[in-house]
Amino acid sequence: MINNKKVLAFIPARAGSKGIKNKNIIDLAGKPLISYTINAAKKSKYIDKVIVSTDGEKIADVAKKYGADVPFFRPKELAEDTSNVITAIIYTIKELKKMSEEYDILVLLQPTSPFRSEQHIDEALEMLINNNLPSLLSVCETDKNPTLIRTLDKDKMIKPIIESDISLRQQMDKYYILNGAIYINYVKDIKENRYLKDNEYGYIMDKYHSLDIDEPIDLEIANLYINKLFK
């Protein structure tokens, strides 16, 4: 709880994954990937309950082993490749309400961000509350400056996506990219037509802790990072 507001951690973990088979529970340095996110959420000073939303029994078993709640399974129609996570969130909120459980703030924590820590979660919640913000999400600085990105037309002619006269890197503005680690919203504001990527304010994380595991190469990088961040 923070500022007398109950906080729910929502960890989405579909059974189906294309880039990496069984991605959410794949081994990372001897532990299932999802366990890092569960542990961070459980260590948070402010989170009152940690729920894993899944349609897979194996994922549910792993989640429970590491201390998360899986009070019900996500319906298959809300666990397709094309399913928007907001529908699973709304379903979970409604089901919890039937169980007489209601929360004020929802923190979405994707299991593919294993290096996001309880400190990041708590700092993000404090940023939301202390500044009276409507919502936020985590970002990290990107070195992929859009002024340097080009497209190619059908004749392979190079065209910039953003016109800029700046040629020196030191003169360029800083740009940030969504890292997918933390999304925080007030439960009352969560609607079906809302996209969490549109949350209004950004909590800045460093690149190391922002690693998002989506493809096999990301898992290789994570195994290299693990000694630096957790040893």
C-alpha atoms as a PDB file:
ATOM      1  CA  MET A   1       0.000   0.000   0.000  1.00  0.00           C
ATOM      2  CA  ILE A   2       1.169   3.510  -0.770  1.00  0.00           C
ATOM      3  CA  ASN A   3      -0.560   6.699   0.352  1.00  0.00           C
ATOM      4  CA  ASN A   4      -3.464   4.538   1.604  1.00  0.00           C
ATOM      5  CA  LYS A   5      -3.924   3.062  -1.865  1.00  0.00           C
ATOM      6  CA  LYS A   6      -3.895  -0.692  -2.423  1.00  0.00           C
ATOM      7  CA  VAL A   7      -1.506  -1.862  -5.120  1.00  0.00           C
ATOM      8  CA  LEU A   8      -1.887  -4.914  -7.353  1.00  0.00           C
ATOM      9  CA  ALA A   9       1.017  -6.318  -9.359  1.00  0.00           C
ATOM     10  CA  PHE A  10      -0.230  -7.906 -12.576  1.00  0.00           C
ATOM     11  CA  ILE A  11       2.211 -10.237 -14.357  1.00  0.00           C
ATOM     12  CA  PRO A  12       0.936 -11.388 -17.786  1.00  0.00           C
ATOM     13  CA  ALA A  13       2.318 -14.747 -18.916  1.00  0.00           C
ATOM     14  CA  ARG A  14       0.659 -16.433 -21.878  1.00  0.00           C
ATOM     15  CA  ALA A  15       1.560 -20.064 -22.560  1.00  0.00           C
ATOM     16  CA  GLY A  16       2.077 -19.455 -26.271  1.00  0.00           C
ATOM     17  CA  SER A  17       5.282 -17.747 -27.394  1.00  0.00           C
ATOM     18  CA  LYS A  18       6.787 -17.700 -30.873  1.00  0.00           C
ATOM     19  CA  GLY A  19      10.246 -16.159 -30.553  1.00  0.00           C
ATOM     20  CA  ILE A  20      11.306 -18.463 -27.693  1.00  0.00           C
ATOM     21  CA  LYS A  21       9.371 -21.608 -26.796  1.00  0.00           C
ATOM     22  CA  ASN A  22       8.022 -21.514 -23.219  1.00  0.00           C
ATOM     23  CA  LYS A  23       9.661 -18.104 -22.907  1.00  0.00           C
ATOM     24  CA  ASN A  24       8.066 -17.064 -19.627  1.00  0.00           C
ATOM     25  CA  ILE A  25       9.467 -20.053 -17.753  1.00  0.00           C
ATOM     26  CA  ILE A  26      12.655 -20.652 -19.735  1.00  0.00           C
ATOM     27  CA  ASP A  27      15.812 -21.099 -17.682  1.00  0.00           C
ATOM     28  CA  LEU A  28      17.894 -18.022 -16.920  1.00  0.00           C
ATOM     29  CA  ALA A  29      20.924 -18.780 -14.759  1.00  0.00           C
ATOM     30  CA  GLY A  30      19.214 -21.701 -13.073  1.00  0.00           C
ATOM     31  CA  LYS A  31      15.829 -20.080 -12.440  1.00  0.00           C
ATOM     32  CA  PRO A  32      12.696 -19.684 -14.580  1.00  0.00           C
ATOM     33  CA  LEU A  33      12.503 -16.284 -16.256  1.00  0.00           C
ATOM     34  CA  ILE A  34       9.228 -15.298 -14.596  1.00  0.00           C
ATOM     35  CA  SER A  35      10.688 -15.851 -11.124  1.00  0.00           C
ATOM     36  CA  TYR A  36      12.821 -12.703 -11.362  1.00  0.00           C
ATOM     37  CA  THR A  37       9.743 -10.535 -11.850  1.00  0.00           C
ATOM     38  CA  ILE A  38       7.786 -12.316  -9.123  1.00  0.00           C
ATOM     39  CA  ASN A  39      10.655 -11.872  -6.677  1.00  0.00           C
ATOM     40  CA  ALA A  40      10.983  -8.164  -7.469  1.00  0.00           C
ATOM     41  CA  ALA A  41       7.245  -7.621  -7.006  1.00  0.00           C
ATOM     42  CA  LYS A  42       7.171  -9.521  -3.711  1.00  0.00           C
ATOM     43  CA  LYS A  43      10.109  -7.470  -2.372  1.00  0.00           C
ATOM     44  CA  SER A  44       8.365  -4.183  -3.175  1.00  0.00           C
ATOM     45  CA  LYS A  45       7.492  -2.054  -0.141  1.00  0.00           C
ATOM     46  CA  TYR A  46       4.159  -1.075  -1.645  1.00  0.00           C
ATOM     47  CA  ILE A  47       2.675  -3.997  -3.577  1.00  0.00           C
ATOM     48  CA  ASP A  48      -0.132  -5.735  -1.696  1.00  0.00           C
ATOM     49  CA  LYS A  49      -0.718  -8.681  -4.011  1.00  0.00           C
ATOM     50  CA  VAL A  50       1.147 -10.326  -6.894  1.00  0.00           C
ATOM     51  CA  ILE A  51      -0.998 -12.057  -9.506  1.00  0.00           C
ATOM     52  CA  VAL A  52       0.167 -13.990 -12.539  1.00  0.00           C
ATOM     53  CA  SER A  53      -2.369 -14.032 -15.367  1.00  0.00           C
ATOM     54  CA  THR A  54      -1.859 -17.139 -17.487  1.00  0.00           C
ATOM     55  CA  ASP A  55      -3.607 -19.779 -19.543  1.00  0.00           C
ATOM     56  CA  GLY A  56      -0.875 -22.360 -18.954  1.00  0.00           C
ATOM     57  CA  GLU A  57      -0.733 -24.917 -16.129  1.00  0.00           C
ATOM     58  CA  LYS A  58       3.069 -25.145 -16.164  1.00  0.00           C
ATOM     59  CA  ILE A  59       3.386 -21.384 -15.832  1.00  0.00           C
ATOM     60  CA  ALA A  60       0.828 -21.383 -13.018  1.00  0.00           C
ATOM     61  CA  ASP A  61       2.756 -24.076 -11.134  1.00  0.00           C
ATOM     62  CA  VAL A  62       6.023 -22.148 -11.454  1.00  0.00           C
ATOM     63  CA  ALA A  63       4.359 -18.873 -10.438  1.00  0.00           C
ATOM     64  CA  LYS A  64       2.892 -20.427  -7.298  1.00  0.00           C
ATOM     65  CA  LYS A  65       6.233 -22.035  -6.432  1.00  0.00           C
ATOM     66  CA  TYR A  66       7.836 -18.586  -6.339  1.00  0.00           C
ATOM     67  CA  GLY A  67       5.059 -17.030  -4.281  1.00  0.00           C
ATOM     68  CA  ALA A  68       2.681 -15.430  -6.776  1.00  0.00           C
ATOM     69  CA  ASP A  69      -1.078 -15.921  -6.716  1.00  0.00           C
ATOM     70  CA  VAL A  70      -2.874 -17.579  -9.636  1.00  0.00           C
ATOM     71  CA  PRO A  71      -6.485 -17.459  -8.423  1.00  0.00           C
ATOM     72  CA  PHE A  72      -7.905 -18.337 -11.853  1.00  0.00           C
ATOM     73  CA  PHE A  73      -6.788 -19.063 -15.398  1.00  0.00           C
ATOM     74  CA  ARG A  74      -7.029 -16.546 -18.179  1.00  0.00           C
ATOM     75  CA  PRO A  75      -9.671 -17.558 -20.780  1.00  0.00           C
ATOM     76  CA  LYS A  76      -8.178 -18.815 -24.046  1.00  0.00           C
ATOM     77  CA  GLU A  77      -9.817 -16.030 -26.036  1.00  0.00           C
ATOM     78  CA  LEU A  78      -7.836 -13.512 -23.970  1.00  0.00           C
ATOM     79  CA  ALA A  79      -4.543 -15.350 -24.513  1.00  0.00           C
ATOM     80  CA  GLU A  80      -4.189 -15.280 -28.286  1.00  0.00           C
ATOM     81  CA  ASP A  81      -1.274 -13.707 -30.150  1.00  0.00           C
ATOM     82  CA  THR A  82      -3.542 -10.825 -31.100  1.00  0.00           C
ATOM     83  CA  SER A  83      -5.045 -10.342 -27.633  1.00  0.00           C
ATOM     84  CA  ASN A  84      -4.547  -6.955 -26.029  1.00  0.00           C
ATOM     85  CA  VAL A  85      -3.237  -7.266 -22.476  1.00  0.00           C
ATOM     86  CA  ILE A  86      -5.767  -4.642 -21.345  1.00  0.00           C
ATOM     87  CA  THR A  87      -8.569  -7.186 -21.839  1.00  0.00           C
ATOM     88  CA  ALA A  88      -6.804  -9.637 -19.525  1.00  0.00           C
ATOM     89  CA  ILE A  89      -6.322  -6.868 -16.964  1.00  0.00           C
ATOM     90  CA  ILE A  90     -10.012  -5.920 -17.055  1.00  0.00           C
ATOM     91  CA  TYR A  91     -10.998  -9.588 -16.742  1.00  0.00           C
ATOM     92  CA  THR A  92      -8.724  -9.975 -13.711  1.00  0.00           C
ATOM     93  CA  ILE A  93     -10.053  -6.841 -12.017  1.00  0.00           C
ATOM     94  CA  LYS A  94     -13.647  -8.047 -12.487  1.00  0.00           C
ATOM     95  CA  GLU A  95     -12.885 -11.545 -11.195  1.00  0.00           C
ATOM     96  CA  LEU A  96     -11.081 -10.183  -8.148  1.00  0.00           C
ATOM     97  CA  LYS A  97     -14.014  -7.902  -7.419  1.00  0.00           C
ATOM     98  CA  LYS A  98     -16.264 -10.976  -7.354  1.00  0.00           C
ATOM     99  CA  MET A  99     -13.896 -12.311  -4.679  1.00  0.00           C
ATOM    100  CA  SER A 100     -14.318  -9.041  -2.720  1.00  0.00           C
ATOM    101  CA  GLU A 101     -10.819  -7.874  -3.633  1.00  0.00           C
ATOM    102  CA  GLU A 102     -10.437  -4.348  -4.989  1.00  0.00           C
ATOM    103  CA  TYR A 103      -7.316  -2.313  -5.689  1.00  0.00           C
ATOM    104  CA  ASP A 104      -6.567   1.328  -6.412  1.00  0.00           C
ATOM    105  CA  ILE A 105      -3.383   1.028  -8.449  1.00  0.00           C
ATOM    106  CA  LEU A 106      -2.301  -1.611 -10.940  1.00  0.00           C
ATOM    107  CA  VAL A 107       1.357  -2.208 -11.762  1.00  0.00           C
ATOM    108  CA  LEU A 108       1.901  -4.240 -14.935  1.00  0.00           C
ATOM    109  CA  LEU A 109       5.209  -6.122 -14.798  1.00  0.00           C
ATOM    110  CA  GLN A 110       6.153  -8.144 -17.850  1.00  0.00           C
ATOM    111  CA  PRO A 111       8.122 -11.321 -17.056  1.00  0.00           C
ATOM    112  CA  THR A 112      10.414 -10.639 -20.016  1.00  0.00           C
ATOM    113  CA  SER A 113      12.125  -7.851 -18.023  1.00  0.00           C
ATOM    114  CA  PRO A 114      14.068  -9.904 -15.465  1.00  0.00           C
ATOM    115  CA  PHE A 115      16.465  -7.150 -14.388  1.00  0.00           C
ATOM    116  CA  ARG A 116      13.823  -4.666 -13.261  1.00  0.00           C
ATOM    117  CA  SER A 117      14.158  -4.683  -9.464  1.00  0.00           C
ATOM    118  CA  GLU A 118      11.961  -3.862  -6.475  1.00  0.00           C
ATOM    119  CA  GLN A 119      13.822  -0.554  -6.253  1.00  0.00           C
ATOM    120  CA  HIS A 120      12.652   0.391  -9.739  1.00  0.00           C
ATOM    121  CA  ILE A 121       9.071  -0.592  -8.893  1.00  0.00           C
ATOM    122  CA  ASP A 122       9.059   1.398  -5.661  1.00  0.00           C
ATOM    123  CA  GLU A 123      10.680   4.459  -7.219  1.00  0.00           C
ATOM    124  CA  ALA A 124       8.124   4.411 -10.041  1.00  0.00           C
ATOM    125  CA  LEU A 125       5.228   4.194  -7.557  1.00  0.00           C
ATOM    126  CA  GLU A 126       6.713   7.021  -5.495  1.00  0.00           C
ATOM    127  CA  MET A 127       7.078   9.118  -8.640  1.00  0.00           C
ATOM    128  CA  LEU A 128       3.407   8.543  -9.465  1.00  0.00           C
ATOM    129  CA  ILE A 129       2.144   9.392  -5.974  1.00  0.00           C
ATOM    130  CA  ASN A 130       4.525  12.187  -4.994  1.00  0.00           C
ATOM    131  CA  ASN A 131       3.917  14.075  -8.227  1.00  0.00           C
ATOM    132  CA  ASN A 132       0.194  13.310  -8.451  1.00  0.00           C
ATOM    133  CA  LEU A 133       0.587  11.775 -11.916  1.00  0.00           C
ATOM    134  CA  PRO A 134      -2.269  10.039 -13.764  1.00  0.00           C
ATOM    135  CA  SER A 135      -0.092   7.194 -15.092  1.00  0.00           C
ATOM    136  CA  LEU A 136       3.451   6.320 -16.048  1.00  0.00           C
ATOM    137  CA  LEU A 137       5.624   3.765 -17.786  1.00  0.00           C
ATOM    138  CA  SER A 138       9.314   2.946 -17.755  1.00  0.00           C
ATOM    139  CA  VAL A 139      11.698   4.105 -20.464  1.00  0.00           C
ATOM    140  CA  CYS A 140      15.412   4.060 -21.153  1.00  0.00           C
ATOM    141  CA  GLU A 141      17.621   6.272 -23.269  1.00  0.00           C
ATOM    142  CA  THR A 142      18.187   4.961 -26.768  1.00  0.00           C
ATOM    143  CA  ASP A 143      21.246   5.391 -28.934  1.00  0.00           C
ATOM    144  CA  LYS A 144      19.060   4.864 -32.002  1.00  0.00           C
ATOM    145  CA  ASN A 145      18.613   8.574 -32.590  1.00  0.00           C
ATOM    146  CA  PRO A 146      15.762   9.091 -35.089  1.00  0.00           C
ATOM    147  CA  THR A 147      17.722  11.814 -36.871  1.00  0.00           C
ATOM    148  CA  LEU A 148      20.159   9.090 -37.954  1.00  0.00           C
ATOM    149  CA  ILE A 149      17.549   6.584 -39.117  1.00  0.00           C
ATOM    150  CA  ARG A 150      16.856   6.265 -42.826  1.00  0.00           C
ATOM    151  CA  THR A 151      14.325   4.565 -45.076  1.00  0.00           C
ATOM    152  CA  LEU A 152      14.918   3.239 -48.583  1.00  0.00           C
ATOM    153  CA  ASP A 153      12.453   3.807 -51.403  1.00  0.00           C
ATOM    154  CA  LYS A 154      11.808   1.271 -54.159  1.00  0.00           C
ATOM    155  CA  ASP A 155      14.902   2.506 -56.004  1.00  0.00           C
ATOM    156  CA  LYS A 156      17.027   2.132 -52.849  1.00  0.00           C
ATOM    157  CA  MET A 157      17.357   5.888 -52.473  1.00  0.00           C
ATOM    158  CA  ILE A 158      18.006   6.866 -48.869  1.00  0.00           C
ATOM    159  CA  LYS A 159      15.572   9.213 -47.160  1.00  0.00           C
ATOM    160  CA  PRO A 160      15.643  10.486 -43.552  1.00  0.00           C
ATOM    161  CA  ILE A 161      12.566   9.936 -41.397  1.00  0.00           C
ATOM    162  CA  ILE A 162      13.282  13.214 -39.579  1.00  0.00           C
ATOM    163  CA  GLU A 163      14.890  16.224 -41.218  1.00  0.00           C
ATOM    164  CA  SER A 164      17.691  17.670 -39.097  1.00  0.00           C
ATOM    165  CA  ASP A 165      20.622  20.000 -39.589  1.00  0.00           C
ATOM    166  CA  ILE A 166      22.444  18.642 -36.533  1.00  0.00           C
ATOM    167  CA  SER A 167      25.575  16.698 -37.453  1.00  0.00           C
ATOM    168  CA  LEU A 168      27.389  16.469 -34.105  1.00  0.00           C
ATOM    169  CA  ARG A 169      26.243  13.736 -31.704  1.00  0.00           C
ATOM    170  CA  GLN A 170      26.895  16.016 -28.730  1.00  0.00           C
ATOM    171  CA  GLN A 171      24.316  18.477 -30.024  1.00  0.00           C
ATOM    172  CA  MET A 172      21.536  15.935 -30.451  1.00  0.00           C
ATOM    173  CA  ASP A 173      18.556  15.737 -28.132  1.00  0.00           C
ATOM    174  CA  LYS A 174      18.171  12.685 -25.911  1.00  0.00           C
ATOM    175  CA  TYR A 175      15.547  10.193 -27.016  1.00  0.00           C
ATOM    176  CA  TYR A 176      13.861   7.500 -24.953  1.00  0.00           C
ATOM    177  CA  ILE A 177      12.248   4.188 -25.815  1.00  0.00           C
ATOM    178  CA  LEU A 178       9.626   2.218 -23.897  1.00  0.00           C
ATOM    179  CA  ASN A 179      11.450  -0.667 -22.241  1.00  0.00           C
ATOM    180  CA  GLY A 180       8.352  -2.682 -21.278  1.00  0.00           C
ATOM    181  CA  ALA A 181       9.411  -3.176 -17.655  1.00  0.00           C
ATOM    182  CA  ILE A 182       6.838  -1.139 -15.690  1.00  0.00           C
ATOM    183  CA  TYR A 183       3.395   0.291 -16.452  1.00  0.00           C
ATOM    184  CA  ILE A 184       1.397   1.924 -13.654  1.00  0.00           C
ATOM    185  CA  ASN A 185      -2.246   2.980 -13.863  1.00  0.00           C
ATOM    186  CA  TYR A 186      -5.079   3.774 -11.498  1.00  0.00           C
ATOM    187  CA  VAL A 187      -7.608   0.972 -11.712  1.00  0.00           C
ATOM    188  CA  LYS A 188     -10.474   3.434 -12.196  1.00  0.00           C
ATOM    189  CA  ASP A 189      -8.845   4.659 -15.432  1.00  0.00           C
ATOM    190  CA  ILE A 190      -8.374   1.252 -17.041  1.00  0.00           C
ATOM    191  CA  LYS A 191     -10.771   0.880 -19.969  1.00  0.00           C
ATOM    192  CA  GLU A 192     -10.919  -1.407 -22.998  1.00  0.00           C
ATOM    193  CA  ASN A 193     -10.035   1.391 -25.403  1.00  0.00           C
ATOM    194  CA  ARG A 194      -6.897   2.334 -23.450  1.00  0.00           C
ATOM    195  CA  TYR A 195      -3.373   1.346 -24.432  1.00  0.00           C
ATOM    196  CA  LEU A 196      -0.806   1.294 -21.640  1.00  0.00           C
ATOM    197  CA  LYS A 197       1.919   2.385 -24.051  1.00  0.00           C
ATOM    198  CA  ASP A 198       0.100   5.735 -24.064  1.00  0.00           C
ATOM    199  CA  ASN A 199       0.698   6.319 -20.347  1.00  0.00           C
ATOM    200  CA  GLU A 200       1.584   9.970 -19.849  1.00  0.00           C
ATOM    201  CA  TYR A 201       4.832  10.084 -17.823  1.00  0.00           C
ATOM    202  CA  GLY A 202       8.152   8.288 -18.037  1.00  0.00           C
ATOM    203  CA  TYR A 203      10.213   6.680 -15.290  1.00  0.00           C
ATOM    204  CA  ILE A 204      13.801   6.453 -16.560  1.00  0.00           C
ATOM    205  CA  MET A 205      15.781   3.216 -16.156  1.00  0.00           C
ATOM    206  CA  ASP A 206      19.318   2.439 -17.262  1.00  0.00           C
ATOM    207  CA  LYS A 207      20.004   0.178 -20.234  1.00  0.00           C
ATOM    208  CA  TYR A 208      21.313  -2.766 -18.222  1.00  0.00           C
ATOM    209  CA  HIS A 209      18.130  -3.124 -16.196  1.00  0.00           C
ATOM    210  CA  SER A 210      15.963  -2.435 -19.255  1.00  0.00           C
ATOM    211  CA  LEU A 211      16.801  -5.620 -21.162  1.00  0.00           C
ATOM    212  CA  ASP A 212      13.635  -7.134 -22.650  1.00  0.00           C
ATOM    213  CA  ILE A 213      13.833 -10.802 -23.619  1.00  0.00           C
ATOM    214  CA  ASP A 214      11.975 -11.344 -26.857  1.00  0.00           C
ATOM    215  CA  GLU A 215      14.331 -13.354 -29.093  1.00  0.00           C
ATOM    216  CA  PRO A 216      17.010 -16.010 -28.457  1.00  0.00           C
ATOM    217  CA  ILE A 217      19.806 -13.435 -28.725  1.00  0.00           C
ATOM    218  CA  ASP A 218      18.213 -11.473 -25.858  1.00  0.00           C
ATOM    219  CA  LEU A 219      18.428 -14.571 -23.680  1.00  0.00           C
ATOM    220  CA  GLU A 220      22.119 -14.938 -24.521  1.00  0.00           C
ATOM    221  CA  ILE A 221      22.715 -11.324 -23.540  1.00  0.00           C
ATOM    222  CA  ALA A 222      20.752 -11.834 -20.310  1.00  0.00           C
ATOM    223  CA  ASN A 223      22.996 -14.730 -19.338  1.00  0.00           C
ATOM    224  CA  LEU A 224      26.002 -12.460 -19.836  1.00  0.00           C
ATOM    225  CA  TYR A 225      24.386  -9.699 -17.755  1.00  0.00           C
ATOM    226  CA  ILE A 226      23.314 -11.953 -14.910  1.00  0.00           C
ATOM    227  CA  ASN A 227      26.727 -12.100 -13.243  1.00  0.00           C
ATOM    228  CA  LYS A 228      27.091  -8.328 -13.396  1.00  0.00           C
ATOM    229  CA  LEU A 229      23.670  -7.567 -11.955  1.00  0.00           C
ATOM    230  CA  PHE A 230      23.003 -10.379  -9.499  1.00  0.00           C
ATOM    231  CA  LYS A 231      26.380 -11.598  -8.223  1.00  0.00           C
END
